[in-house]
Amino acid sequence: MYDIFYTFTNKDEGNIAYHVPDKKENVDKNRLELANKFSFDIKKLISMNQVHGDNIVIVDENSPNIIDKCDAIITDKKGLTLMVMVADCIPILMFDKFKGVIAAVHAGRNSTFQNIAKKTALKMRDEFGSILENIEVVMGPSIQKCCYEVDEKLANIVKTSFGIEFENNRYIDLQGINRKQLSDIDVTNINITNICTKCSGVNFFSYRIDKNCGRFAGIISILS
């Protein structure tokens, strides 16, 4: 059985994304402080240039620190820390304690519509031999169905493609859609953080509140 570490940051740790209006030295400082706080090697931190797609990349110690054009990364290498950055999208962390495999997934609307979480779990099975029932999933703070309002066209896509239970007066349940996609392949050990980044008043960035906001992170690593 492998020991897995994971956590979700908040505004107290500052913005950790380079692609938002912030100085590089500020992001460097925030990331280094994060590494010191959670005792991981900043040189072995791997994040993504997230593009709201379904590209999934397997990473190892020879991978660059930023993986271009992908929305999920997977590894079985100890010492690496995987990071997903969000401000309303769902940061999904997955792990298999039996095989020692971890993943960080960026599940915004488009990626969810493309089954990013389901595809990541299947890749953990196909590439690393994970048994789907053994994969544990944690969905971090994100915009919830109370606040995720979309236009009529998108609302209809949700109803027809995923089910009427995931749409209510143009408010959609992105967490529920991801849970169903995973449950359909027998990934059922799913923990959904019940914090809405928009309305909860808790200390998380929200793009719906401020389009120039920073990003918080979900991070995960294999300790031993």
Foldseek 3Di string as FASTA:
>chain_A
DFDKDKDWDFCVLPFQDPPFPDDPVVNVVSLVVVCVVVVADSQQEAEEPEDLAQDEEEDDPPDHNYHYHHFKYKYQYFRHKYKYWDAAWKWKKKAQRVQRMIMTGGHDPSNLLVLNLLVVLVCCCVVRNGDLLRMAMEIDAHAALVPQADDPVVLVCCCVVQHPVQHDPRRGGSVVSNQVSSVVSNNNNYHYDPHHSPPRPDGHHHCVVPVRGGIIMMMMGTHD
